[in-house]
N, C-alpha and C. Protein backbone atom coordinates (compact mmCIF):
# COMPACT_ATOMS: atom_id res chain seq x y z
N MET A 1 -16.39 -15.06 -0.51
CA MET A 1 -15.98 -13.96 -1.36
C MET A 1 -16.45 -14.25 -2.78
N SER A 2 -17.08 -13.26 -3.41
CA SER A 2 -17.58 -13.44 -4.76
C SER A 2 -16.42 -13.49 -5.76
N GLU A 3 -16.73 -13.94 -6.94
CA GLU A 3 -15.72 -14.01 -8.00
C GLU A 3 -15.19 -12.62 -8.34
N ILE A 4 -16.08 -11.63 -8.31
CA ILE A 4 -15.67 -10.25 -8.59
C ILE A 4 -14.73 -9.75 -7.50
N GLU A 5 -15.09 -9.98 -6.24
CA GLU A 5 -14.24 -9.56 -5.12
C GLU A 5 -12.90 -10.27 -5.16
N GLN A 6 -12.93 -11.55 -5.49
CA GLN A 6 -11.70 -12.33 -5.56
C GLN A 6 -10.79 -11.79 -6.66
N GLY A 7 -11.37 -11.44 -7.80
CA GLY A 7 -10.59 -10.87 -8.90
C GLY A 7 -9.96 -9.55 -8.51
N PHE A 8 -10.73 -8.72 -7.79
CA PHE A 8 -10.21 -7.44 -7.33
C PHE A 8 -9.02 -7.66 -6.40
N ALA A 9 -9.15 -8.57 -5.45
CA ALA A 9 -8.07 -8.86 -4.51
C ALA A 9 -6.83 -9.37 -5.24
N VAL A 10 -7.02 -10.20 -6.23
CA VAL A 10 -5.89 -10.73 -7.02
C VAL A 10 -5.16 -9.58 -7.72
N ARG A 11 -5.94 -8.64 -8.28
CA ARG A 11 -5.32 -7.50 -8.97
C ARG A 11 -4.57 -6.60 -7.97
N VAL A 12 -5.13 -6.40 -6.79
CA VAL A 12 -4.44 -5.60 -5.76
C VAL A 12 -3.13 -6.29 -5.38
N HIS A 13 -3.18 -7.58 -5.13
CA HIS A 13 -1.96 -8.32 -4.77
C HIS A 13 -0.90 -8.19 -5.86
N ALA A 14 -1.31 -8.31 -7.11
CA ALA A 14 -0.36 -8.22 -8.24
C ALA A 14 0.29 -6.84 -8.29
N LEU A 15 -0.48 -5.80 -8.02
CA LEU A 15 0.08 -4.45 -8.03
C LEU A 15 1.04 -4.24 -6.86
N VAL A 16 0.66 -4.67 -5.68
CA VAL A 16 1.52 -4.50 -4.50
C VAL A 16 2.84 -5.23 -4.71
N ALA A 17 2.78 -6.39 -5.32
CA ALA A 17 4.00 -7.18 -5.56
C ALA A 17 5.00 -6.44 -6.45
N GLN A 18 4.51 -5.49 -7.25
CA GLN A 18 5.38 -4.77 -8.19
C GLN A 18 6.00 -3.50 -7.61
N ILE A 19 5.52 -3.03 -6.46
CA ILE A 19 6.01 -1.75 -5.93
C ILE A 19 7.49 -1.89 -5.59
N PRO A 20 8.33 -1.06 -6.22
CA PRO A 20 9.77 -1.18 -5.95
C PRO A 20 10.14 -0.73 -4.54
N GLU A 21 11.20 -1.28 -4.04
CA GLU A 21 11.74 -0.89 -2.74
C GLU A 21 12.00 0.62 -2.74
N GLY A 22 11.63 1.26 -1.65
CA GLY A 22 11.86 2.70 -1.52
C GLY A 22 10.78 3.56 -2.15
N ARG A 23 9.74 2.96 -2.70
CA ARG A 23 8.62 3.69 -3.32
C ARG A 23 7.33 3.27 -2.64
N VAL A 24 6.25 4.03 -2.86
CA VAL A 24 4.96 3.73 -2.24
C VAL A 24 3.83 3.88 -3.24
N MET A 25 2.71 3.27 -2.91
CA MET A 25 1.44 3.50 -3.60
C MET A 25 0.41 3.77 -2.52
N THR A 26 -0.69 4.43 -2.90
CA THR A 26 -1.75 4.70 -1.93
C THR A 26 -2.86 3.67 -2.08
N TYR A 27 -3.68 3.57 -1.03
CA TYR A 27 -4.82 2.66 -1.06
C TYR A 27 -5.76 3.02 -2.22
N GLY A 28 -6.01 4.31 -2.39
CA GLY A 28 -6.89 4.76 -3.46
C GLY A 28 -6.32 4.50 -4.84
N GLN A 29 -5.04 4.70 -4.98
CA GLN A 29 -4.36 4.44 -6.24
C GLN A 29 -4.47 2.96 -6.60
N LEU A 30 -4.23 2.10 -5.62
CA LEU A 30 -4.36 0.66 -5.85
C LEU A 30 -5.78 0.29 -6.23
N ALA A 31 -6.76 0.88 -5.52
CA ALA A 31 -8.16 0.59 -5.82
C ALA A 31 -8.50 0.98 -7.26
N ALA A 32 -8.09 2.17 -7.66
CA ALA A 32 -8.38 2.63 -9.02
C ALA A 32 -7.71 1.74 -10.06
N LEU A 33 -6.45 1.43 -9.87
CA LEU A 33 -5.73 0.60 -10.84
C LEU A 33 -6.26 -0.83 -10.89
N ALA A 34 -6.83 -1.29 -9.78
CA ALA A 34 -7.40 -2.65 -9.73
C ALA A 34 -8.84 -2.68 -10.25
N GLY A 35 -9.37 -1.49 -10.62
CA GLY A 35 -10.67 -1.45 -11.27
C GLY A 35 -11.84 -0.96 -10.45
N SER A 36 -11.59 -0.47 -9.23
CA SER A 36 -12.69 0.00 -8.40
C SER A 36 -12.24 1.25 -7.63
N PRO A 37 -12.28 2.42 -8.28
CA PRO A 37 -11.71 3.63 -7.70
C PRO A 37 -12.26 4.05 -6.34
N MET A 38 -13.43 3.61 -5.97
CA MET A 38 -14.02 4.00 -4.69
C MET A 38 -13.75 2.98 -3.58
N ALA A 39 -12.86 2.04 -3.81
CA ALA A 39 -12.66 0.92 -2.89
C ALA A 39 -11.36 1.00 -2.07
N ALA A 40 -10.92 2.22 -1.75
CA ALA A 40 -9.67 2.35 -0.98
C ALA A 40 -9.75 1.62 0.36
N ARG A 41 -10.90 1.69 1.02
CA ARG A 41 -11.04 1.00 2.32
C ARG A 41 -10.99 -0.51 2.15
N ILE A 42 -11.51 -0.99 1.05
CA ILE A 42 -11.44 -2.43 0.79
C ILE A 42 -10.00 -2.85 0.58
N VAL A 43 -9.21 -2.00 -0.10
CA VAL A 43 -7.78 -2.29 -0.26
C VAL A 43 -7.13 -2.37 1.12
N GLY A 44 -7.53 -1.49 2.04
CA GLY A 44 -7.00 -1.56 3.40
C GLY A 44 -7.30 -2.89 4.07
N GLY A 45 -8.52 -3.40 3.85
CA GLY A 45 -8.88 -4.71 4.40
C GLY A 45 -8.08 -5.83 3.76
N ILE A 46 -7.86 -5.71 2.46
CA ILE A 46 -7.05 -6.71 1.76
C ILE A 46 -5.63 -6.69 2.32
N ALA A 47 -5.12 -5.49 2.56
CA ALA A 47 -3.76 -5.37 3.12
C ALA A 47 -3.70 -5.99 4.51
N HIS A 48 -4.72 -5.73 5.31
CA HIS A 48 -4.73 -6.23 6.69
C HIS A 48 -4.73 -7.75 6.75
N PHE A 49 -5.46 -8.37 5.83
CA PHE A 49 -5.60 -9.83 5.86
C PHE A 49 -4.84 -10.51 4.72
N GLY A 50 -4.09 -9.74 3.94
CA GLY A 50 -3.44 -10.27 2.74
C GLY A 50 -2.18 -11.06 3.00
N ASP A 51 -1.62 -11.54 1.92
CA ASP A 51 -0.40 -12.34 1.94
C ASP A 51 0.71 -11.57 2.66
N PRO A 52 1.21 -12.08 3.78
CA PRO A 52 2.24 -11.36 4.52
C PRO A 52 3.59 -11.32 3.80
N GLU A 53 3.72 -12.07 2.73
CA GLU A 53 4.96 -12.05 1.96
C GLU A 53 5.03 -10.85 1.01
N LEU A 54 3.90 -10.17 0.80
CA LEU A 54 3.88 -9.01 -0.09
C LEU A 54 4.38 -7.77 0.66
N PRO A 55 4.92 -6.78 -0.07
CA PRO A 55 5.48 -5.60 0.59
C PRO A 55 4.41 -4.56 0.97
N TRP A 56 3.53 -4.93 1.89
CA TRP A 56 2.45 -4.03 2.32
C TRP A 56 2.99 -2.76 2.96
N GLN A 57 4.23 -2.76 3.44
CA GLN A 57 4.81 -1.56 4.03
C GLN A 57 4.89 -0.43 3.02
N ARG A 58 4.80 -0.75 1.74
CA ARG A 58 4.90 0.24 0.68
C ARG A 58 3.55 0.85 0.32
N VAL A 59 2.53 0.55 1.10
CA VAL A 59 1.19 1.10 0.87
C VAL A 59 0.87 2.08 1.99
N VAL A 60 0.49 3.32 1.60
CA VAL A 60 0.22 4.39 2.55
C VAL A 60 -1.10 5.07 2.18
N ASN A 61 -1.59 5.94 3.06
CA ASN A 61 -2.80 6.67 2.70
C ASN A 61 -2.45 7.84 1.78
N LYS A 62 -3.47 8.54 1.30
CA LYS A 62 -3.24 9.58 0.28
C LYS A 62 -2.40 10.75 0.79
N GLN A 63 -2.32 10.93 2.09
CA GLN A 63 -1.46 11.98 2.65
C GLN A 63 -0.06 11.44 2.99
N GLY A 64 0.20 10.18 2.66
CA GLY A 64 1.48 9.58 2.99
C GLY A 64 1.53 9.01 4.39
N GLY A 65 0.37 8.94 5.05
CA GLY A 65 0.31 8.44 6.43
C GLY A 65 0.44 6.93 6.51
N LEU A 66 1.06 6.49 7.59
CA LEU A 66 1.26 5.07 7.83
C LEU A 66 0.05 4.47 8.52
N ALA A 67 -0.08 3.16 8.43
CA ALA A 67 -1.27 2.46 8.92
C ALA A 67 -1.13 2.01 10.37
N SER A 68 -2.12 2.37 11.18
CA SER A 68 -2.13 1.92 12.58
C SER A 68 -2.40 0.42 12.66
N GLY A 69 -3.06 -0.14 11.65
CA GLY A 69 -3.37 -1.57 11.64
C GLY A 69 -2.24 -2.44 11.12
N TYR A 70 -1.14 -1.84 10.74
CA TYR A 70 0.03 -2.59 10.28
C TYR A 70 0.60 -3.38 11.45
N PRO A 71 1.15 -4.57 11.22
CA PRO A 71 1.77 -5.32 12.34
C PRO A 71 2.81 -4.46 13.07
N GLY A 72 2.60 -4.26 14.35
CA GLY A 72 3.47 -3.38 15.12
C GLY A 72 3.01 -1.93 15.08
N GLY A 73 1.83 -1.68 14.49
CA GLY A 73 1.29 -0.33 14.41
C GLY A 73 2.10 0.57 13.50
N ARG A 74 1.89 1.86 13.67
CA ARG A 74 2.60 2.84 12.82
C ARG A 74 4.12 2.73 13.03
N GLN A 75 4.53 2.41 14.24
CA GLN A 75 5.97 2.28 14.50
C GLN A 75 6.55 1.10 13.70
N GLY A 76 5.83 -0.02 13.65
CA GLY A 76 6.29 -1.15 12.85
C GLY A 76 6.34 -0.81 11.38
N HIS A 77 5.32 -0.08 10.90
CA HIS A 77 5.28 0.35 9.51
C HIS A 77 6.49 1.26 9.22
N LYS A 78 6.74 2.17 10.13
CA LYS A 78 7.87 3.10 9.99
C LYS A 78 9.20 2.34 9.90
N LEU A 79 9.39 1.38 10.78
CA LEU A 79 10.65 0.63 10.80
C LEU A 79 10.88 -0.13 9.50
N HIS A 80 9.82 -0.72 8.95
CA HIS A 80 9.97 -1.46 7.70
C HIS A 80 10.28 -0.53 6.52
N LEU A 81 9.67 0.65 6.51
CA LEU A 81 9.98 1.60 5.44
C LEU A 81 11.40 2.16 5.60
N GLN A 82 11.78 2.48 6.82
CA GLN A 82 13.13 3.00 7.05
C GLN A 82 14.18 1.98 6.65
N ALA A 83 13.90 0.70 6.82
CA ALA A 83 14.84 -0.35 6.43
C ALA A 83 15.09 -0.34 4.92
N GLU A 84 14.15 0.26 4.17
CA GLU A 84 14.29 0.39 2.72
C GLU A 84 14.85 1.75 2.32
N GLY A 85 15.23 2.56 3.30
CA GLY A 85 15.79 3.87 3.02
C GLY A 85 14.77 4.98 2.89
N VAL A 86 13.51 4.71 3.24
CA VAL A 86 12.46 5.73 3.15
C VAL A 86 12.48 6.59 4.41
N VAL A 87 12.46 7.90 4.21
CA VAL A 87 12.41 8.84 5.33
C VAL A 87 10.96 8.94 5.81
N VAL A 88 10.76 8.72 7.10
CA VAL A 88 9.44 8.81 7.72
C VAL A 88 9.50 9.89 8.79
N SER A 89 8.54 10.81 8.74
CA SER A 89 8.52 11.92 9.68
C SER A 89 8.12 11.45 11.08
N GLU A 90 8.30 12.33 12.06
CA GLU A 90 7.93 12.02 13.43
C GLU A 90 6.44 11.76 13.58
N ASP A 91 5.63 12.34 12.68
CA ASP A 91 4.19 12.12 12.73
C ASP A 91 3.76 10.96 11.81
N TYR A 92 4.71 10.09 11.50
CA TYR A 92 4.45 8.85 10.76
C TYR A 92 3.91 9.09 9.35
N LYS A 93 4.59 9.96 8.62
CA LYS A 93 4.22 10.21 7.23
C LYS A 93 5.45 10.15 6.34
N VAL A 94 5.21 9.80 5.08
CA VAL A 94 6.25 9.84 4.06
C VAL A 94 5.86 10.90 3.04
N ASP A 95 6.81 11.31 2.22
CA ASP A 95 6.52 12.27 1.16
C ASP A 95 5.93 11.49 -0.01
N ALA A 96 4.60 11.35 0.01
CA ALA A 96 3.92 10.54 -1.01
C ALA A 96 4.13 11.11 -2.41
N LYS A 97 4.18 12.43 -2.55
CA LYS A 97 4.38 13.03 -3.88
C LYS A 97 5.72 12.59 -4.47
N GLU A 98 6.74 12.62 -3.64
CA GLU A 98 8.08 12.26 -4.11
C GLU A 98 8.24 10.76 -4.34
N LEU A 99 7.62 9.96 -3.48
CA LEU A 99 7.84 8.51 -3.50
C LEU A 99 6.79 7.72 -4.27
N LEU A 100 5.70 8.38 -4.71
CA LEU A 100 4.60 7.68 -5.37
C LEU A 100 5.10 6.95 -6.61
N TRP A 101 4.71 5.71 -6.73
CA TRP A 101 5.11 4.87 -7.87
C TRP A 101 3.89 4.52 -8.71
N TRP A 102 4.06 4.59 -10.01
CA TRP A 102 3.02 4.17 -10.96
C TRP A 102 3.58 3.04 -11.79
N PRO A 103 2.84 1.96 -11.95
CA PRO A 103 3.31 0.87 -12.81
C PRO A 103 3.36 1.32 -14.26
N ASP A 104 4.22 0.70 -15.00
CA ASP A 104 4.34 1.01 -16.44
C ASP A 104 2.99 0.72 -17.09
N ARG A 105 2.46 1.68 -17.77
CA ARG A 105 1.14 1.52 -18.39
C ARG A 105 1.20 1.07 -19.83
N SER A 106 2.37 0.72 -20.30
CA SER A 106 2.48 0.31 -21.72
C SER A 106 2.03 -1.12 -21.94
């Protein structure tokens, strides 16, 4: 992994660590905030292989959809979000507009 890629991954990890319980961020949002707005798929790869201690359950796609690659699939993703009080629909989506979290930009 190049130094640039490593820096990007570190920034993604730092952002994910800040997502409050009961809130979500999108892959694209994380990519943009970490400095590479077109790298949403790379964020997905980072999530798939990233630190399992981070709250990856709080990361969803731009439509609020849950990840099939999450441990336990979409059902596992759903269970972890529901444990935080997040409502997940039968089609494995959350209300991303309502739950979207932005870090303090100050």
